C-alpha atoms as a PDB file:
ATOM      1  CA  MET A   1      29.342 114.118   5.092  1.00  0.00           C
ATOM      2  CA  THR A   2      27.598 110.831   5.106  1.00  0.00           C
ATOM      3  CA  ALA A   3      26.113 109.429   1.874  1.00  0.00           C
ATOM      4  CA  ARG A   4      22.484 109.595   1.336  1.00  0.00           C
ATOM      5  CA  ARG A   5      20.940 106.075   1.515  1.00  0.00           C
ATOM      6  CA  ALA A   6      18.953 104.839  -1.572  1.00  0.00           C
ATOM      7  CA  PHE A   7      15.909 103.924   0.637  1.00  0.00           C
ATOM      8  CA  PRO A   8      16.215 105.366   4.028  1.00  0.00           C
ATOM      9  CA  PHE A   9      13.921 103.645   6.662  1.00  0.00           C
ATOM     10  CA  GLY A  10      13.517 103.469  10.337  1.00  0.00           C
ATOM     11  CA  CYS A  11      12.392 100.808  12.841  1.00  0.00           C
ATOM     12  CA  VAL A  12      10.213 100.846  15.970  1.00  0.00           C
ATOM     13  CA  ILE A  13      10.473  97.940  18.254  1.00  0.00           C
ATOM     14  CA  ILE A  14       7.724  97.339  20.874  1.00  0.00           C
ATOM     15  CA  ALA A  15       8.586  95.415  23.866  1.00  0.00           C
ATOM     16  CA  SER A  16       5.650  94.515  25.878  1.00  0.00           C
ATOM     17  CA  THR A  17       5.641  93.440  29.718  1.00  0.00           C
ATOM     18  CA  GLY A  18       6.172  89.808  29.674  1.00  0.00           C
ATOM     19  CA  ASP A  19       7.741  89.439  26.278  1.00  0.00           C
ATOM     20  CA  ALA A  20      10.081  86.641  25.907  1.00  0.00           C
ATOM     21  CA  GLY A  21      10.181  85.838  29.688  1.00  0.00           C
ATOM     22  CA  GLY A  22      11.782  87.842  32.421  1.00  0.00           C
ATOM     23  CA  GLU A  23      13.906  91.156  32.195  1.00  0.00           C
ATOM     24  CA  PRO A  24      17.011  89.486  30.970  1.00  0.00           C
ATOM     25  CA  GLU A  25      15.367  87.368  28.281  1.00  0.00           C
ATOM     26  CA  ARG A  26      13.363  90.383  27.195  1.00  0.00           C
ATOM     27  CA  GLU A  27      16.558  92.592  26.944  1.00  0.00           C
ATOM     28  CA  ALA A  28      18.263  89.953  24.850  1.00  0.00           C
ATOM     29  CA  ARG A  29      15.219  89.517  22.534  1.00  0.00           C
ATOM     30  CA  VAL A  30      15.058  93.307  22.001  1.00  0.00           C
ATOM     31  CA  ASP A  31      18.847  93.499  21.487  1.00  0.00           C
ATOM     32  CA  ASP A  32      18.355  90.722  18.854  1.00  0.00           C
ATOM     33  CA  LEU A  33      15.901  92.767  16.983  1.00  0.00           C
ATOM     34  CA  VAL A  34      17.955  95.843  17.189  1.00  0.00           C
ATOM     35  CA  ALA A  35      20.923  93.944  15.632  1.00  0.00           C
ATOM     36  CA  ILE A  36      18.823  92.610  12.855  1.00  0.00           C
ATOM     37  CA  ALA A  37      17.197  95.936  12.146  1.00  0.00           C
ATOM     38  CA  HIS A  38      20.638  97.638  12.011  1.00  0.00           C
ATOM     39  CA  ASP A  39      21.923  95.004   9.839  1.00  0.00           C
ATOM     40  CA  ALA A  40      19.261  95.521   7.453  1.00  0.00           C
ATOM     41  CA  GLY A  41      20.044  99.342   7.189  1.00  0.00           C
ATOM     42  CA  ALA A  42      17.289 100.791   9.557  1.00  0.00           C
ATOM     43  CA  GLU A  43      18.221 104.279  10.857  1.00  0.00           C
ATOM     44  CA  PRO A  44      16.906 105.410  13.251  1.00  0.00           C
ATOM     45  CA  ILE A  45      15.971 102.534  15.424  1.00  0.00           C
ATOM     46  CA  VAL A  46      13.675 103.224  18.368  1.00  0.00           C
ATOM     47  CA  ALA A  47      12.765 100.710  21.207  1.00  0.00           C
ATOM     48  CA  VAL A  48       9.708 101.413  23.046  1.00  0.00           C
ATOM     49  CA  VAL A  49      10.233  99.376  26.326  1.00  0.00           C
ATOM     50  CA  ASP A  50       9.411  99.166  30.081  1.00  0.00           C
ATOM     51  CA  ARG A  51      11.621 101.398  32.293  1.00  0.00           C
ATOM     52  CA  ALA A  52      13.428  98.254  33.617  1.00  0.00           C
ATOM     53  CA  VAL A  53      14.652  97.277  30.170  1.00  0.00           C
ATOM     54  CA  ASP A  54      17.960  98.265  28.847  1.00  0.00           C
ATOM     55  CA  VAL A  55      18.559  98.702  25.058  1.00  0.00           C
ATOM     56  CA  ALA A  56      21.771  98.093  23.009  1.00  0.00           C
ATOM     57  CA  ALA A  57      23.074 100.778  20.530  1.00  0.00           C
ATOM     58  CA  PRO A  58      22.528 101.993  18.124  1.00  0.00           C
ATOM     59  CA  ALA A  59      18.716 102.061  19.228  1.00  0.00           C
ATOM     60  CA  ARG A  60      17.259 104.946  21.127  1.00  0.00           C
ATOM     61  CA  ARG A  61      15.198 103.605  24.064  1.00  0.00           C
ATOM     62  CA  VAL A  62      11.874 105.240  24.901  1.00  0.00           C
ATOM     63  CA  ASP A  63       9.939 104.235  27.717  1.00  0.00           C
ATOM     64  CA  ARG A  64       6.423 102.728  27.373  1.00  0.00           C
ATOM     65  CA  PRO A  65       3.782 105.206  28.661  1.00  0.00           C
ATOM     66  CA  ARG A  66       3.140 104.609  32.234  1.00  0.00           C
ATOM     67  CA  GLN A  67      -0.572 105.414  32.313  1.00  0.00           C
ATOM     68  CA  VAL A  68      -1.249 102.998  29.318  1.00  0.00           C
ATOM     69  CA  ARG A  69       0.392  99.494  28.904  1.00  0.00           C
ATOM     70  CA  ASP A  70      -0.990  98.702  25.362  1.00  0.00           C
ATOM     71  CA  ASP A  71       0.929  98.197  22.349  1.00  0.00           C
ATOM     72  CA  GLU A  72      -1.181 100.642  20.345  1.00  0.00           C
ATOM     73  CA  SER A  73      -0.050 103.282  22.523  1.00  0.00           C
ATOM     74  CA  ALA A  74       3.621 102.160  22.658  1.00  0.00           C
ATOM     75  CA  LEU A  75       3.551 102.169  18.850  1.00  0.00           C
ATOM     76  CA  ARG A  76       2.142 105.736  18.759  1.00  0.00           C
ATOM     77  CA  VAL A  77       4.830 106.703  20.975  1.00  0.00           C
ATOM     78  CA  GLY A  78       7.661 104.925  18.870  1.00  0.00           C
ATOM     79  CA  VAL A  79       6.496 106.163  15.482  1.00  0.00           C
ATOM     80  CA  SER A  80       6.343 109.860  16.834  1.00  0.00           C
ATOM     81  CA  GLN A  81       9.933 109.590  17.674  1.00  0.00           C
ATOM     82  CA  LEU A  82      10.521 109.236  13.947  1.00  0.00           C
ATOM     83  CA  ALA A  83       8.592 112.447  13.012  1.00  0.00           C
ATOM     84  CA  ASN A  84      11.947 114.410  12.039  1.00  0.00           C
ATOM     85  CA  ALA A  85      13.749 111.385  10.586  1.00  0.00           C
ATOM     86  CA  SER A  86      14.466 111.629   6.682  1.00  0.00           C
ATOM     87  CA  VAL A  87      12.871 108.137   6.004  1.00  0.00           C
ATOM     88  CA  GLU A  88      10.639 106.637   3.467  1.00  0.00           C
ATOM     89  CA  GLY A  89       8.808 104.733   6.065  1.00  0.00           C
ATOM     90  CA  ALA A  90       9.455 102.433   9.134  1.00  0.00           C
ATOM     91  CA  LEU A  91       9.333  98.654  10.120  1.00  0.00           C
ATOM     92  CA  LEU A  92       6.978  98.344  13.108  1.00  0.00           C
ATOM     93  CA  TRP A  93       8.080  95.280  15.092  1.00  0.00           C
ATOM     94  CA  PRO A  94       6.661  93.832  18.278  1.00  0.00           C
ATOM     95  CA  ALA A  95       9.346  92.139  20.250  1.00  0.00           C
ATOM     96  CA  SER A  96       7.000  89.053  20.860  1.00  0.00           C
ATOM     97  CA  GLU A  97       7.403  88.145  17.178  1.00  0.00           C
ATOM     98  CA  ALA A  98       9.339  84.861  17.262  1.00  0.00           C
ATOM     99  CA  HIS A  99      10.058  84.603  13.244  1.00  0.00           C
ATOM    100  CA  ALA A 100      12.324  87.414  12.954  1.00  0.00           C
ATOM    101  CA  SER A 101      15.211  86.996  10.596  1.00  0.00           C
ATOM    102  CA  LEU A 102      17.435  89.195   8.756  1.00  0.00           C
ATOM    103  CA  GLU A 103      16.711  87.599   5.621  1.00  0.00           C
ATOM    104  CA  GLY A 104      12.800  88.231   6.275  1.00  0.00           C
ATOM    105  CA  VAL A 105      13.466  91.816   7.100  1.00  0.00           C
ATOM    106  CA  LEU A 106      15.641  92.107   3.956  1.00  0.00           C
ATOM    107  CA  ALA A 107      12.756  90.700   1.740  1.00  0.00           C
ATOM    108  CA  VAL A 108      10.119  93.143   3.251  1.00  0.00           C
ATOM    109  CA  ILE A 109      12.445  96.136   2.756  1.00  0.00           C
ATOM    110  CA  ASP A 110      13.130  94.852  -0.897  1.00  0.00           C
ATOM    111  CA  LEU A 111       9.530  94.872  -1.690  1.00  0.00           C
ATOM    112  CA  ALA A 112       8.729  98.130  -0.030  1.00  0.00           C
ATOM    113  CA  ARG A 113      11.671  99.762  -1.920  1.00  0.00           C
ATOM    114  CA  ARG A 114      10.104  98.506  -5.278  1.00  0.00           C
ATOM    115  CA  GLY A 115       7.144 100.668  -4.238  1.00  0.00           C
ATOM    116  CA  GLY A 116       3.342 100.378  -5.046  1.00  0.00           C
ATOM    117  CA  ALA A 117       2.248  99.221  -1.747  1.00  0.00           C
ATOM    118  CA  PRO A 118       1.677 101.352   1.438  1.00  0.00           C
ATOM    119  CA  ILE A 119       2.115  98.573   3.778  1.00  0.00           C
ATOM    120  CA  VAL A 120       4.385  95.399   3.181  1.00  0.00           C
ATOM    121  CA  ALA A 121       4.108  92.494   5.539  1.00  0.00           C
ATOM    122  CA  PRO A 122       5.983  89.283   5.751  1.00  0.00           C
ATOM    123  CA  VAL A 123       4.133  85.863   5.781  1.00  0.00           C
ATOM    124  CA  LEU A 124       4.821  82.265   6.407  1.00  0.00           C
ATOM    125  CA  GLY A 125       2.226  80.416   4.556  1.00  0.00           C
ATOM    126  CA  GLU A 126      -1.122  81.991   5.750  1.00  0.00           C
ATOM    127  CA  GLU A 127       0.336  83.471   8.896  1.00  0.00           C
ATOM    128  CA  ARG A 128       1.054  87.157   8.811  1.00  0.00           C
ATOM    129  CA  LEU A 129       4.395  87.900  10.630  1.00  0.00           C
ATOM    130  CA  ALA A 130       6.480  91.107  11.544  1.00  0.00           C
ATOM    131  CA  PRO A 131       7.938  93.521  11.300  1.00  0.00           C
ATOM    132  CA  VAL A 132       5.470  95.200   8.931  1.00  0.00           C
ATOM    133  CA  PHE A 133       6.768  98.168   6.734  1.00  0.00           C
ATOM    134  CA  VAL A 134       4.400 101.189   6.643  1.00  0.00           C
ATOM    135  CA  VAL A 135       5.246 104.080   4.242  1.00  0.00           C
ATOM    136  CA  ARG A 136       5.692 107.556   5.968  1.00  0.00           C
ATOM    137  CA  ASP A 137       2.549 108.810   4.254  1.00  0.00           C
ATOM    138  CA  LEU A 138       0.350 106.684   6.336  1.00  0.00           C
ATOM    139  CA  TRP A 139       1.863 107.552   9.747  1.00  0.00           C
ATOM    140  CA  ARG A 140      -0.604 110.230  10.530  1.00  0.00           C
ATOM    141  CA  GLU A 141      -3.386 107.823   9.799  1.00  0.00           C
ATOM    142  CA  LEU A 142      -1.648 105.276  11.881  1.00  0.00           C
ATOM    143  CA  LEU A 143      -1.338 107.647  14.883  1.00  0.00           C
ATOM    144  CA  THR A 144      -5.102 108.428  14.671  1.00  0.00           C
ATOM    145  CA  THR A 145      -6.698 105.102  13.827  1.00  0.00           C
ATOM    146  CA  ALA A 146      -8.460 103.316  16.750  1.00  0.00           C
ATOM    147  CA  GLY A 147      -6.986  99.761  16.606  1.00  0.00           C
ATOM    148  CA  GLY A 148      -3.612 100.794  15.534  1.00  0.00           C
ATOM    149  CA  LEU A 149      -1.746  98.735  12.856  1.00  0.00           C
ATOM    150  CA  GLY A 150      -4.254  96.002  12.616  1.00  0.00           C
ATOM    151  CA  ALA A 151      -7.092  98.371  11.801  1.00  0.00           C
ATOM    152  CA  LEU A 152      -5.068 100.331   9.249  1.00  0.00           C
ATOM    153  CA  ALA A 153      -4.022  97.196   7.564  1.00  0.00           C
ATOM    154  CA  GLY A 154      -7.716  96.454   7.407  1.00  0.00           C
ATOM    155  CA  LEU A 155      -8.477  99.844   5.874  1.00  0.00           C
ATOM    156  CA  TYR A 156      -5.793  99.063   3.300  1.00  0.00           C
ATOM    157  CA  ALA A 157      -6.346  95.439   2.850  1.00  0.00           C
ATOM    158  CA  ASP A 158      -6.447  95.583  -0.930  1.00  0.00           C
ATOM    159  CA  ARG A 159      -2.976  97.476  -0.974  1.00  0.00           C
ATOM    160  CA  VAL A 160      -1.073  95.343   1.483  1.00  0.00           C
ATOM    161  CA  ALA A 161       1.739  93.760  -0.233  1.00  0.00           C
ATOM    162  CA  THR A 162       3.061  90.396   1.460  1.00  0.00           C
ATOM    163  CA  VAL A 163       6.314  88.725   0.799  1.00  0.00           C
ATOM    164  CA  ASP A 164       6.679  84.944   1.929  1.00  0.00           C
ATOM    165  CA  VAL A 165       9.684  84.491   4.195  1.00  0.00           C
ATOM    166  CA  ARG A 166       9.918  80.827   4.312  1.00  0.00           C
ATOM    167  CA  ARG A 167      12.979  79.346   5.494  1.00  0.00           C
ATOM    168  CA  GLY A 168      14.526  76.843   3.015  1.00  0.00           C
END
């Protein structure tokens, strides 16, 4: 029997065609994000990728929809994979995000764990970064809102918490 995690959360990584260069570079970038998410305690981890991209364990690889190649559709596919997971929420993480760090992810999760905000986003000065944490209660709205995460964050703008992830 496994111990129940105090704050269970998942992670969805979205790798677009062309993220981080060619195939080997994209795979390495996705694998780096999987490792950071795993080290932060995310479980399960879902990577929505093109068919040619392999994904390291412990992430579960899901093919990007063939007919639609936009990140909004890929996000919907990834979040739907967490429907049966016993998690409080999920990190939503485009692989193109260049500012990823374990420290930043842990800061986002710490703020999310303390509660009060349905969406938690890392910032560097005025720039909003990724991954963004979204509580489970908003997933249905996320899946049905035209414009995806950006539109949802706009709807909840007064309730988005931010954490500065400056490197010092």
